[in-house]
């Protein structure tokens, strides 16, 4: 799809946004994303500034936009790649991501608990590596101070040029919580510079206890 000139990123954000209704969440899953439903949302002021800088530098935005609106998967709060359908998709619609991260704010926020094992499944193709990365922070119960402890890759898949499905389990590493206690942790899909990932049917739930 062709995009409109960069200058339109500065238009006033007063258009009515039409959305597709999202399916009710399945309580069995911590994450249940099939990327079938997308909406157009106003581009925020921060996104406009960054977007103009990237386009001026000749870099892609990593998301679709039409004037003052950009398209995003239902449930995401910040850009989440480009909608793919037709022969390139896994089934129905899929999401394509280039350099950056998606889902840390909102979609995959506070979804991972320490000392808990999760099972996952996903369909991917592309070039490079798919990462599902955690942002692990701790908080002092005495002072309230917080500290970043780690950024582990919970899922890491080398991509191929045809769709492949994967499944497995992951668990946060154990940390010294003498001072900084670990609570609910956020994560994101992370794609490195130069890589490209097509993603579909990403599902996570607590693993059945053995």
N, C-alpha and C. Protein backbone atom coordinates (compact mmCIF):
# COMPACT_ATOMS: atom_id res chain seq x y z
N UNK A 1 0.84 -1.18 0.00
CA UNK A 1 0.00 0.00 0.00
C UNK A 1 0.88 1.24 0.00
N UNK A 2 0.60 2.21 -0.85
CA UNK A 2 1.36 3.43 -0.91
C UNK A 2 1.03 4.32 0.28
N UNK A 3 2.05 4.98 0.81
CA UNK A 3 1.84 5.91 1.92
C UNK A 3 1.84 7.32 1.37
N UNK A 4 1.28 8.24 2.15
CA UNK A 4 1.20 9.63 1.74
C UNK A 4 2.44 10.38 2.20
N UNK A 5 2.67 11.58 1.68
CA UNK A 5 3.91 12.29 1.99
C UNK A 5 4.11 12.53 3.47
N UNK A 6 5.39 12.69 3.85
CA UNK A 6 5.75 12.88 5.25
C UNK A 6 5.03 14.04 5.89
N UNK A 7 4.79 15.10 5.17
CA UNK A 7 4.19 16.31 5.74
C UNK A 7 2.83 16.02 6.35
N UNK A 8 2.14 15.00 5.86
CA UNK A 8 0.80 14.73 6.38
C UNK A 8 0.84 14.17 7.79
N UNK A 9 2.02 13.78 8.26
CA UNK A 9 2.12 13.34 9.65
C UNK A 9 1.84 14.47 10.62
N UNK A 10 1.83 15.71 10.14
CA UNK A 10 1.62 16.87 11.02
C UNK A 10 0.18 17.36 11.00
N UNK A 11 -0.72 16.70 10.28
CA UNK A 11 -2.10 17.16 10.23
C UNK A 11 -2.79 17.05 11.58
N UNK A 12 -3.80 17.89 11.86
CA UNK A 12 -4.54 17.78 13.12
C UNK A 12 -5.21 16.41 13.22
N UNK A 13 -5.29 15.92 14.45
CA UNK A 13 -5.81 14.57 14.66
C UNK A 13 -7.27 14.66 15.10
N UNK A 14 -8.17 14.90 14.14
CA UNK A 14 -9.56 15.04 14.51
C UNK A 14 -10.45 14.09 13.73
N UNK A 15 -9.86 13.18 12.96
CA UNK A 15 -10.67 12.26 12.18
C UNK A 15 -11.29 11.19 13.06
N UNK A 16 -12.44 10.71 12.64
CA UNK A 16 -13.08 9.60 13.35
C UNK A 16 -12.36 8.32 12.98
N UNK A 17 -12.03 7.50 13.97
CA UNK A 17 -11.32 6.25 13.74
C UNK A 17 -12.32 5.11 13.76
N UNK A 18 -12.31 4.30 12.71
CA UNK A 18 -13.18 3.14 12.63
C UNK A 18 -12.40 1.92 13.09
N UNK A 19 -13.04 1.05 13.85
CA UNK A 19 -12.33 -0.11 14.38
C UNK A 19 -13.15 -1.37 14.17
N UNK A 20 -12.41 -2.49 14.17
CA UNK A 20 -13.03 -3.80 14.13
C UNK A 20 -13.17 -4.28 15.56
N UNK A 21 -14.25 -4.94 15.86
CA UNK A 21 -14.44 -5.43 17.23
C UNK A 21 -13.51 -6.60 17.49
N UNK A 22 -12.85 -6.57 18.65
CA UNK A 22 -11.94 -7.64 19.02
C UNK A 22 -12.71 -8.76 19.70
N UNK A 23 -12.24 -9.97 19.50
CA UNK A 23 -12.88 -11.11 20.13
C UNK A 23 -12.65 -11.06 21.63
N UNK A 24 -13.56 -11.65 22.38
CA UNK A 24 -13.40 -11.71 23.83
C UNK A 24 -12.15 -12.52 24.16
N UNK A 25 -11.36 -12.07 25.15
CA UNK A 25 -10.14 -12.81 25.50
C UNK A 25 -10.46 -14.19 26.04
N UNK A 26 -9.61 -15.14 25.73
CA UNK A 26 -9.75 -16.50 26.23
C UNK A 26 -8.97 -16.61 27.53
N UNK A 27 -9.65 -16.85 28.67
CA UNK A 27 -8.94 -16.86 29.95
C UNK A 27 -7.89 -17.96 30.06
N UNK A 28 -7.93 -18.94 29.15
CA UNK A 28 -6.94 -20.01 29.18
C UNK A 28 -5.56 -19.50 28.81
N UNK A 29 -5.51 -18.41 28.03
CA UNK A 29 -4.25 -17.92 27.50
C UNK A 29 -3.82 -16.61 28.15
N UNK A 30 -2.52 -16.49 28.42
CA UNK A 30 -1.92 -15.23 28.85
C UNK A 30 -1.79 -14.31 27.64
N UNK A 31 -1.41 -14.88 26.49
CA UNK A 31 -1.33 -14.18 25.21
C UNK A 31 -2.05 -15.03 24.18
N UNK A 32 -2.91 -14.41 23.38
CA UNK A 32 -3.63 -15.16 22.34
C UNK A 32 -3.82 -14.23 21.14
N UNK A 33 -2.79 -14.12 20.30
CA UNK A 33 -2.79 -13.17 19.19
C UNK A 33 -2.81 -13.90 17.85
N UNK A 34 -3.88 -13.67 17.09
CA UNK A 34 -3.92 -14.20 15.72
C UNK A 34 -3.84 -13.09 14.69
N UNK A 35 -3.81 -11.83 15.14
CA UNK A 35 -3.59 -10.65 14.29
C UNK A 35 -4.63 -10.53 13.17
N UNK A 36 -5.84 -11.01 13.42
CA UNK A 36 -6.90 -10.90 12.42
C UNK A 36 -7.52 -9.50 12.40
N UNK A 37 -7.58 -8.85 13.55
CA UNK A 37 -8.27 -7.56 13.66
C UNK A 37 -7.29 -6.41 13.83
N UNK A 38 -7.46 -5.38 12.99
CA UNK A 38 -6.60 -4.20 13.01
C UNK A 38 -7.49 -2.96 13.03
N UNK A 39 -6.96 -1.85 13.55
CA UNK A 39 -7.68 -0.59 13.59
C UNK A 39 -6.76 0.54 13.11
N UNK A 40 -7.40 1.64 12.68
CA UNK A 40 -6.66 2.87 12.38
C UNK A 40 -6.77 3.80 13.58
N UNK A 41 -5.64 4.32 14.05
CA UNK A 41 -5.60 5.21 15.20
C UNK A 41 -4.83 6.48 14.85
N UNK A 42 -5.13 7.58 15.55
CA UNK A 42 -4.35 8.82 15.30
C UNK A 42 -2.89 8.65 15.69
N UNK A 43 -2.01 9.17 14.87
CA UNK A 43 -0.58 9.19 15.18
C UNK A 43 -0.34 10.18 16.32
N UNK A 44 0.34 9.73 17.37
CA UNK A 44 0.58 10.60 18.53
C UNK A 44 1.63 11.66 18.19
N UNK A 45 1.72 12.69 19.06
CA UNK A 45 2.69 13.75 18.84
C UNK A 45 4.11 13.19 18.84
N UNK A 46 4.41 12.29 19.79
CA UNK A 46 5.74 11.69 19.84
C UNK A 46 6.07 10.88 18.61
N UNK A 47 5.08 10.14 18.12
CA UNK A 47 5.29 9.34 16.92
C UNK A 47 5.52 10.23 15.70
N UNK A 48 4.82 11.38 15.65
CA UNK A 48 5.00 12.27 14.51
C UNK A 48 6.43 12.79 14.42
N UNK A 49 6.98 13.20 15.56
CA UNK A 49 8.35 13.71 15.57
C UNK A 49 9.33 12.62 15.15
N UNK A 50 9.22 11.46 15.77
CA UNK A 50 10.13 10.37 15.43
C UNK A 50 9.94 9.92 13.99
N UNK A 51 8.67 9.87 13.55
CA UNK A 51 8.38 9.44 12.19
C UNK A 51 9.00 10.36 11.15
N UNK A 52 8.88 11.67 11.35
CA UNK A 52 9.48 12.63 10.41
C UNK A 52 10.99 12.47 10.36
N UNK A 53 11.61 12.26 11.54
CA UNK A 53 13.07 12.10 11.59
C UNK A 53 13.50 10.84 10.84
N UNK A 54 12.75 9.75 11.01
CA UNK A 54 13.12 8.50 10.33
C UNK A 54 12.95 8.62 8.82
N UNK A 55 11.86 9.21 8.39
CA UNK A 55 11.64 9.36 6.96
C UNK A 55 12.65 10.30 6.32
N UNK A 56 13.01 11.36 7.02
CA UNK A 56 14.02 12.29 6.51
C UNK A 56 15.37 11.59 6.35
N UNK A 57 15.65 10.65 7.27
CA UNK A 57 16.91 9.91 7.20
C UNK A 57 16.83 8.73 6.22
N UNK A 58 15.68 8.56 5.57
CA UNK A 58 15.54 7.48 4.60
C UNK A 58 15.28 6.12 5.23
N UNK A 59 14.84 6.10 6.49
CA UNK A 59 14.56 4.84 7.17
C UNK A 59 13.06 4.54 7.13
N UNK A 60 12.68 3.27 7.04
CA UNK A 60 11.26 2.93 7.03
C UNK A 60 10.65 3.11 8.42
N UNK A 61 9.35 3.36 8.46
CA UNK A 61 8.67 3.53 9.74
C UNK A 61 8.38 2.21 10.43
N UNK A 62 8.19 1.16 9.65
CA UNK A 62 7.85 -0.12 10.26
C UNK A 62 6.38 -0.29 10.54
N UNK A 63 5.56 0.67 10.10
CA UNK A 63 4.11 0.55 10.23
C UNK A 63 3.47 1.34 9.10
N UNK A 64 2.21 1.00 8.81
CA UNK A 64 1.47 1.70 7.76
C UNK A 64 0.86 2.99 8.29
N UNK A 65 0.82 4.01 7.45
CA UNK A 65 0.11 5.22 7.84
C UNK A 65 -0.58 5.84 6.64
N UNK A 66 -1.68 6.50 6.93
CA UNK A 66 -2.43 7.27 5.93
C UNK A 66 -2.71 8.63 6.54
N UNK A 67 -1.95 9.63 6.09
CA UNK A 67 -2.13 10.95 6.67
C UNK A 67 -1.88 10.90 8.17
N UNK A 68 -2.86 11.32 8.97
CA UNK A 68 -2.66 11.38 10.42
C UNK A 68 -2.99 10.08 11.15
N UNK A 69 -3.25 9.00 10.42
CA UNK A 69 -3.63 7.74 11.05
C UNK A 69 -2.60 6.65 10.75
N UNK A 70 -2.47 5.70 11.68
CA UNK A 70 -1.65 4.53 11.43
C UNK A 70 -2.44 3.28 11.82
N UNK A 71 -2.06 2.14 11.22
CA UNK A 71 -2.81 0.91 11.47
C UNK A 71 -2.05 0.05 12.48
N UNK A 72 -2.83 -0.56 13.37
CA UNK A 72 -2.25 -1.28 14.49
C UNK A 72 -3.13 -2.49 14.81
N UNK A 73 -2.54 -3.61 15.27
CA UNK A 73 -3.39 -4.74 15.68
C UNK A 73 -4.23 -4.37 16.90
N UNK A 74 -5.45 -4.84 16.96
CA UNK A 74 -6.32 -4.58 18.11
C UNK A 74 -5.63 -5.06 19.38
N UNK A 75 -5.64 -4.21 20.40
CA UNK A 75 -5.03 -4.56 21.68
C UNK A 75 -3.65 -3.99 21.89
N UNK A 76 -3.00 -3.51 20.83
CA UNK A 76 -1.68 -2.89 20.94
C UNK A 76 -1.85 -1.39 21.15
N UNK A 77 -0.93 -0.78 21.89
CA UNK A 77 -1.00 0.64 22.17
C UNK A 77 -0.03 1.46 21.34
N UNK A 78 1.03 0.83 20.83
CA UNK A 78 2.02 1.49 20.01
C UNK A 78 2.21 0.69 18.73
N UNK A 79 2.92 1.24 17.73
CA UNK A 79 3.04 0.53 16.46
C UNK A 79 3.40 -0.94 16.62
N UNK A 80 2.70 -1.78 15.84
CA UNK A 80 2.89 -3.22 15.93
C UNK A 80 3.08 -3.84 14.57
N UNK A 81 3.91 -3.24 13.74
CA UNK A 81 4.21 -3.84 12.45
C UNK A 81 3.21 -3.49 11.38
N UNK A 82 3.24 -4.27 10.30
CA UNK A 82 2.42 -4.05 9.12
C UNK A 82 1.51 -5.25 8.90
N UNK A 83 0.26 -4.99 8.59
CA UNK A 83 -0.70 -6.06 8.34
C UNK A 83 -0.38 -6.75 7.02
N UNK A 84 -0.34 -8.07 7.04
CA UNK A 84 -0.08 -8.88 5.86
C UNK A 84 -1.26 -9.80 5.63
N UNK A 85 -1.75 -9.86 4.40
CA UNK A 85 -2.81 -10.80 4.07
C UNK A 85 -2.55 -11.38 2.68
N UNK A 86 -3.35 -12.34 2.29
CA UNK A 86 -3.15 -12.98 0.99
C UNK A 86 -2.09 -14.07 1.07
N UNK A 87 -1.37 -14.26 -0.02
CA UNK A 87 -0.44 -15.39 -0.12
C UNK A 87 0.73 -15.28 0.85
N UNK A 88 1.08 -14.07 1.29
CA UNK A 88 2.20 -13.90 2.21
C UNK A 88 1.83 -14.24 3.65
N UNK A 89 0.53 -14.24 3.96
CA UNK A 89 0.08 -14.49 5.33
C UNK A 89 0.10 -15.97 5.66
N UNK A 90 0.11 -16.26 6.95
CA UNK A 90 0.04 -17.66 7.40
C UNK A 90 -1.37 -18.19 7.19
N UNK A 91 -2.33 -17.47 7.76
CA UNK A 91 -3.75 -17.75 7.51
C UNK A 91 -4.51 -16.48 7.86
N UNK A 92 -5.42 -16.09 6.98
CA UNK A 92 -6.13 -14.84 7.22
C UNK A 92 -5.18 -13.66 7.13
N UNK A 93 -4.90 -13.04 8.29
CA UNK A 93 -3.97 -11.92 8.37
C UNK A 93 -2.83 -12.26 9.31
N UNK A 94 -1.67 -11.70 9.02
CA UNK A 94 -0.49 -11.88 9.85
C UNK A 94 0.15 -10.52 10.08
N UNK A 95 1.18 -10.48 10.91
CA UNK A 95 1.89 -9.25 11.20
C UNK A 95 3.33 -9.36 10.72
N UNK A 96 3.84 -8.31 10.09
CA UNK A 96 5.24 -8.28 9.66
C UNK A 96 5.98 -7.20 10.44
N UNK A 97 7.10 -7.57 11.03
CA UNK A 97 7.89 -6.66 11.85
C UNK A 97 9.30 -6.53 11.29
N UNK A 98 9.82 -5.29 11.31
CA UNK A 98 11.22 -5.05 11.01
C UNK A 98 11.87 -4.53 12.29
N UNK A 99 13.04 -3.90 12.18
CA UNK A 99 13.82 -3.52 13.35
C UNK A 99 12.98 -2.77 14.39
N UNK A 100 13.02 -3.25 15.61
CA UNK A 100 12.29 -2.61 16.70
C UNK A 100 11.65 -3.63 17.60
N UNK A 101 10.72 -3.16 18.44
CA UNK A 101 10.02 -4.05 19.37
C UNK A 101 8.54 -3.71 19.37
N UNK A 102 7.73 -4.70 19.67
CA UNK A 102 6.28 -4.51 19.67
C UNK A 102 5.67 -5.21 20.88
N UNK A 103 4.74 -4.53 21.53
CA UNK A 103 3.96 -5.13 22.58
C UNK A 103 4.41 -4.86 23.99
N UNK A 104 5.57 -4.20 24.17
CA UNK A 104 6.07 -3.98 25.53
C UNK A 104 5.11 -3.11 26.32
N UNK A 105 4.57 -2.08 25.68
CA UNK A 105 3.63 -1.18 26.36
C UNK A 105 2.20 -1.63 26.06
N UNK A 106 1.57 -2.19 27.05
CA UNK A 106 0.16 -2.57 26.89
C UNK A 106 -0.05 -4.04 26.62
N UNK A 107 0.25 -4.48 25.41
CA UNK A 107 -0.17 -5.82 24.99
C UNK A 107 0.50 -6.93 25.81
N UNK A 108 1.81 -6.83 26.01
CA UNK A 108 2.52 -7.88 26.74
C UNK A 108 3.04 -7.37 28.07
N UNK A 109 2.37 -6.34 28.61
CA UNK A 109 2.79 -5.76 29.89
C UNK A 109 2.33 -6.62 31.06
N UNK A 110 3.25 -6.87 31.97
CA UNK A 110 2.96 -7.55 33.24
C UNK A 110 2.24 -8.88 33.01
N UNK A 111 2.70 -9.64 32.04
CA UNK A 111 2.07 -10.91 31.70
C UNK A 111 2.88 -12.13 32.15
N UNK A 112 4.08 -11.92 32.68
CA UNK A 112 4.96 -13.04 33.01
C UNK A 112 5.31 -12.98 34.49
N UNK A 113 5.07 -14.08 35.20
CA UNK A 113 5.35 -14.15 36.63
C UNK A 113 6.61 -14.97 36.89
N UNK A 114 7.38 -14.59 37.92
CA UNK A 114 8.55 -15.41 38.26
C UNK A 114 8.10 -16.76 38.80
N UNK A 115 9.02 -17.72 38.71
CA UNK A 115 8.79 -19.07 39.24
C UNK A 115 7.57 -19.75 38.61
N UNK A 116 7.29 -19.39 37.36
CA UNK A 116 6.15 -19.96 36.63
C UNK A 116 6.63 -20.40 35.25
N UNK A 117 6.23 -21.60 34.83
CA UNK A 117 6.58 -22.10 33.51
C UNK A 117 5.42 -21.88 32.55
N UNK A 118 5.73 -21.40 31.35
CA UNK A 118 4.72 -21.12 30.33
C UNK A 118 5.00 -21.97 29.10
N UNK A 119 3.93 -22.37 28.42
CA UNK A 119 4.06 -23.01 27.12
C UNK A 119 3.65 -22.01 26.05
N UNK A 120 4.27 -22.12 24.89
CA UNK A 120 3.97 -21.19 23.80
C UNK A 120 3.85 -21.94 22.48
N UNK A 121 3.20 -21.29 21.53
CA UNK A 121 3.17 -21.74 20.14
C UNK A 121 3.12 -20.51 19.26
N UNK A 122 3.71 -20.58 18.09
CA UNK A 122 3.66 -19.46 17.16
C UNK A 122 4.05 -19.95 15.77
N UNK A 123 3.61 -19.18 14.77
CA UNK A 123 3.99 -19.40 13.38
C UNK A 123 4.82 -18.21 12.94
N UNK A 124 5.98 -18.47 12.31
CA UNK A 124 6.85 -17.39 11.87
C UNK A 124 7.56 -17.76 10.57
N UNK A 125 7.95 -16.74 9.85
CA UNK A 125 8.89 -16.88 8.73
C UNK A 125 9.62 -15.56 8.60
N UNK A 126 10.64 -15.52 7.73
CA UNK A 126 11.34 -14.26 7.50
C UNK A 126 12.83 -14.47 7.36
N UNK A 127 13.59 -13.49 7.83
CA UNK A 127 15.04 -13.54 7.76
C UNK A 127 15.60 -12.97 9.05
N UNK A 128 16.52 -13.69 9.68
CA UNK A 128 17.09 -13.25 10.94
C UNK A 128 16.54 -14.06 12.10
N UNK A 129 16.24 -13.38 13.20
CA UNK A 129 15.84 -14.06 14.43
C UNK A 129 14.63 -13.40 15.06
N UNK A 130 13.69 -14.23 15.51
CA UNK A 130 12.54 -13.78 16.30
C UNK A 130 12.93 -13.89 17.77
N UNK A 131 12.75 -12.78 18.51
CA UNK A 131 12.99 -12.80 19.96
C UNK A 131 11.70 -12.41 20.68
N UNK A 132 11.41 -13.11 21.76
CA UNK A 132 10.41 -12.64 22.72
C UNK A 132 11.19 -12.38 23.99
N UNK A 133 11.37 -11.08 24.31
CA UNK A 133 12.34 -10.65 25.32
C UNK A 133 11.63 -10.05 26.53
N UNK A 134 12.09 -10.41 27.72
CA UNK A 134 11.52 -9.89 28.96
C UNK A 134 12.32 -8.70 29.47
N UNK A 135 11.62 -7.76 30.08
CA UNK A 135 12.22 -6.61 30.76
C UNK A 135 12.06 -6.87 32.27
N UNK A 136 13.09 -7.41 32.90
CA UNK A 136 12.97 -7.85 34.30
C UNK A 136 13.44 -6.74 35.23
N UNK A 137 12.53 -6.29 36.08
CA UNK A 137 12.91 -5.28 37.07
C UNK A 137 12.54 -5.78 38.46
N UNK A 138 13.24 -5.27 39.46
CA UNK A 138 12.94 -5.59 40.84
C UNK A 138 12.62 -4.33 41.62
N UNK A 139 11.91 -4.51 42.71
CA UNK A 139 11.54 -3.37 43.57
C UNK A 139 11.89 -3.70 45.01
N UNK A 140 12.47 -2.72 45.70
CA UNK A 140 12.79 -2.88 47.10
C UNK A 140 11.54 -2.67 47.94
N UNK A 141 11.21 -3.65 48.77
CA UNK A 141 10.05 -3.51 49.65
C UNK A 141 10.29 -2.49 50.74
N UNK A 142 11.55 -2.14 50.99
CA UNK A 142 11.90 -1.19 52.06
C UNK A 142 11.87 0.25 51.56
N UNK A 143 12.53 0.52 50.43
CA UNK A 143 12.67 1.89 49.95
C UNK A 143 11.77 2.22 48.76
N UNK A 144 11.24 1.19 48.10
CA UNK A 144 10.45 1.41 46.89
C UNK A 144 11.30 1.61 45.65
N UNK A 145 12.62 1.60 45.81
CA UNK A 145 13.52 1.78 44.65
C UNK A 145 13.35 0.62 43.68
N UNK A 146 13.46 0.91 42.39
CA UNK A 146 13.40 -0.13 41.37
C UNK A 146 14.74 -0.22 40.64
N UNK A 147 14.99 -1.39 40.07
CA UNK A 147 16.26 -1.62 39.38
C UNK A 147 16.04 -2.63 38.27
N UNK A 148 16.61 -2.34 37.07
CA UNK A 148 16.59 -3.31 35.99
C UNK A 148 17.57 -4.42 36.32
N UNK A 149 17.10 -5.67 36.23
CA UNK A 149 17.92 -6.82 36.59
C UNK A 149 18.41 -7.62 35.39
N UNK A 150 17.61 -7.65 34.32
CA UNK A 150 17.97 -8.54 33.21
C UNK A 150 17.03 -8.29 32.03
N UNK A 151 17.46 -8.73 30.85
CA UNK A 151 16.63 -8.64 29.64
C UNK A 151 16.77 -9.97 28.86
N UNK A 152 16.30 -11.06 29.45
CA UNK A 152 16.52 -12.38 28.82
C UNK A 152 15.57 -12.62 27.64
N UNK A 153 16.05 -13.33 26.63
CA UNK A 153 15.20 -13.80 25.55
C UNK A 153 14.49 -15.08 26.01
N UNK A 154 13.18 -15.01 26.14
CA UNK A 154 12.40 -16.16 26.58
C UNK A 154 12.14 -17.13 25.43
N UNK A 155 11.96 -16.57 24.23
CA UNK A 155 11.80 -17.37 23.01
C UNK A 155 12.77 -16.80 21.99
N UNK A 156 13.48 -17.67 21.30
CA UNK A 156 14.42 -17.24 20.26
C UNK A 156 14.36 -18.25 19.12
N UNK A 157 13.95 -17.80 17.94
CA UNK A 157 13.76 -18.69 16.79
C UNK A 157 14.49 -18.12 15.59
N UNK A 158 15.31 -18.95 14.94
CA UNK A 158 15.95 -18.55 13.69
C UNK A 158 14.93 -18.70 12.57
N UNK A 159 14.75 -17.64 11.78
CA UNK A 159 13.68 -17.59 10.80
C UNK A 159 14.10 -18.21 9.47
N UNK A 160 13.13 -18.79 8.78
CA UNK A 160 13.34 -19.33 7.44
C UNK A 160 12.41 -18.61 6.48
N UNK A 161 12.60 -18.86 5.17
CA UNK A 161 11.80 -18.12 4.19
C UNK A 161 10.43 -18.73 3.93
N UNK A 162 10.08 -19.78 4.66
CA UNK A 162 8.72 -20.35 4.59
C UNK A 162 8.14 -20.43 5.99
N UNK A 163 6.83 -20.41 6.08
CA UNK A 163 6.17 -20.46 7.38
C UNK A 163 6.51 -21.76 8.11
N UNK A 164 6.87 -21.63 9.37
CA UNK A 164 7.11 -22.78 10.25
C UNK A 164 6.37 -22.54 11.55
N UNK A 165 5.89 -23.59 12.18
CA UNK A 165 5.25 -23.47 13.49
C UNK A 165 6.18 -24.04 14.56
N UNK A 166 6.17 -23.38 15.70
CA UNK A 166 7.05 -23.77 16.80
C UNK A 166 6.24 -23.83 18.09
N UNK A 167 6.70 -24.65 19.00
CA UNK A 167 6.10 -24.70 20.35
C UNK A 167 7.18 -25.07 21.34
N UNK A 168 6.95 -24.73 22.59
CA UNK A 168 7.93 -25.04 23.62
C UNK A 168 7.51 -24.43 24.93
N UNK A 169 8.45 -24.30 25.84
CA UNK A 169 8.17 -23.69 27.14
C UNK A 169 9.25 -22.67 27.46
N UNK A 170 8.93 -21.75 28.36
CA UNK A 170 9.93 -20.83 28.87
C UNK A 170 9.62 -20.50 30.32
N UNK A 171 10.63 -19.98 30.99
CA UNK A 171 10.51 -19.62 32.40
C UNK A 171 11.54 -18.54 32.68
N UNK A 172 11.18 -17.55 33.46
CA UNK A 172 12.16 -16.53 33.85
C UNK A 172 13.30 -17.18 34.63
N UNK A 173 14.54 -16.70 34.43
CA UNK A 173 15.63 -17.17 35.29
C UNK A 173 15.33 -16.82 36.75
N UNK A 174 16.02 -17.49 37.65
CA UNK A 174 15.91 -17.15 39.07
C UNK A 174 16.90 -16.04 39.39
N UNK A 175 16.47 -15.08 40.22
CA UNK A 175 17.30 -13.95 40.58
C UNK A 175 17.46 -13.86 42.09
N UNK A 176 18.55 -13.24 42.51
CA UNK A 176 18.75 -12.95 43.93
C UNK A 176 17.76 -11.85 44.32
N UNK A 177 16.77 -12.19 45.11
CA UNK A 177 15.72 -11.24 45.49
C UNK A 177 15.86 -10.77 46.93
N UNK A 178 17.09 -10.84 47.43
CA UNK A 178 17.32 -10.38 48.80
C UNK A 178 16.92 -8.92 48.98
N UNK A 179 17.28 -8.09 47.99
CA UNK A 179 16.96 -6.67 48.06
C UNK A 179 15.84 -6.28 47.12
N UNK A 180 15.92 -6.75 45.88
CA UNK A 180 14.94 -6.37 44.86
C UNK A 180 14.05 -7.56 44.52
N UNK A 181 12.79 -7.45 44.87
CA UNK A 181 11.82 -8.50 44.61
C UNK A 181 11.29 -8.39 43.18
N UNK A 182 11.11 -9.53 42.54
CA UNK A 182 10.62 -9.58 41.16
C UNK A 182 9.13 -9.89 41.17
N UNK A 183 8.36 -9.05 40.50
CA UNK A 183 6.92 -9.27 40.37
C UNK A 183 6.55 -9.58 38.94
N UNK A 184 5.36 -9.15 38.52
CA UNK A 184 4.90 -9.38 37.15
C UNK A 184 5.80 -8.62 36.18
N UNK A 185 6.22 -9.29 35.11
CA UNK A 185 7.21 -8.76 34.17
C UNK A 185 6.58 -8.55 32.80
N UNK A 186 7.04 -7.51 32.11
CA UNK A 186 6.59 -7.23 30.75
C UNK A 186 7.58 -7.79 29.74
N UNK A 187 7.10 -7.97 28.50
CA UNK A 187 7.95 -8.51 27.44
C UNK A 187 7.56 -7.88 26.11
N UNK A 188 8.35 -8.15 25.08
CA UNK A 188 8.08 -7.63 23.75
C UNK A 188 8.64 -8.58 22.71
N UNK A 189 8.02 -8.55 21.52
CA UNK A 189 8.63 -9.18 20.36
C UNK A 189 9.71 -8.21 19.87
N UNK A 190 10.94 -8.69 19.73
CA UNK A 190 12.06 -7.84 19.34
C UNK A 190 12.68 -8.37 18.05
N UNK A 191 12.83 -7.49 17.07
CA UNK A 191 13.46 -7.82 15.80
C UNK A 191 14.66 -6.88 15.62
N UNK A 192 15.82 -7.46 15.37
CA UNK A 192 17.04 -6.67 15.26
C UNK A 192 17.14 -5.96 13.90
N UNK A 193 18.02 -4.97 13.84
CA UNK A 193 18.24 -4.22 12.60
C UNK A 193 18.68 -5.17 11.48
N UNK A 194 18.05 -5.03 10.33
CA UNK A 194 18.37 -5.87 9.19
C UNK A 194 17.56 -7.14 9.09
N UNK A 195 16.80 -7.48 10.16
CA UNK A 195 15.98 -8.68 10.16
C UNK A 195 14.54 -8.33 9.80
N UNK A 196 13.77 -9.34 9.42
CA UNK A 196 12.35 -9.17 9.11
C UNK A 196 11.62 -10.43 9.54
N UNK A 197 10.53 -10.27 10.27
CA UNK A 197 9.78 -11.41 10.78
C UNK A 197 8.30 -11.28 10.46
N UNK A 198 7.72 -12.33 9.93
CA UNK A 198 6.28 -12.46 9.76
C UNK A 198 5.80 -13.35 10.90
N UNK A 199 4.76 -12.89 11.63
CA UNK A 199 4.34 -13.56 12.86
C UNK A 199 2.84 -13.81 12.81
N UNK A 200 2.41 -14.97 13.32
CA UNK A 200 0.98 -15.28 13.41
C UNK A 200 0.75 -16.28 14.54
N UNK A 201 -0.49 -16.32 15.00
CA UNK A 201 -0.96 -17.31 15.98
C UNK A 201 0.03 -17.48 17.14
N UNK A 202 0.34 -16.35 17.78
CA UNK A 202 1.25 -16.34 18.93
C UNK A 202 0.42 -16.53 20.20
N UNK A 203 0.62 -17.66 20.86
CA UNK A 203 -0.20 -18.00 22.02
C UNK A 203 0.70 -18.48 23.17
N UNK A 204 0.38 -18.01 24.37
CA UNK A 204 1.12 -18.37 25.57
C UNK A 204 0.15 -18.66 26.69
N UNK A 205 0.40 -19.70 27.45
CA UNK A 205 -0.40 -19.99 28.63
C UNK A 205 0.48 -20.67 29.67
N UNK A 206 0.01 -20.70 30.90
CA UNK A 206 0.75 -21.39 31.93
C UNK A 206 0.81 -22.88 31.60
N UNK A 207 2.00 -23.44 31.74
CA UNK A 207 2.16 -24.86 31.44
C UNK A 207 1.48 -25.71 32.50
N UNK A 208 0.96 -26.83 32.07
CA UNK A 208 0.36 -27.74 33.03
C UNK A 208 1.43 -28.27 33.98
N UNK A 209 1.17 -28.25 35.29
CA UNK A 209 2.19 -28.75 36.24
C UNK A 209 2.44 -30.24 36.01
N UNK A 210 3.68 -30.62 36.12
CA UNK A 210 4.06 -32.03 35.93
C UNK A 210 3.81 -32.85 37.20
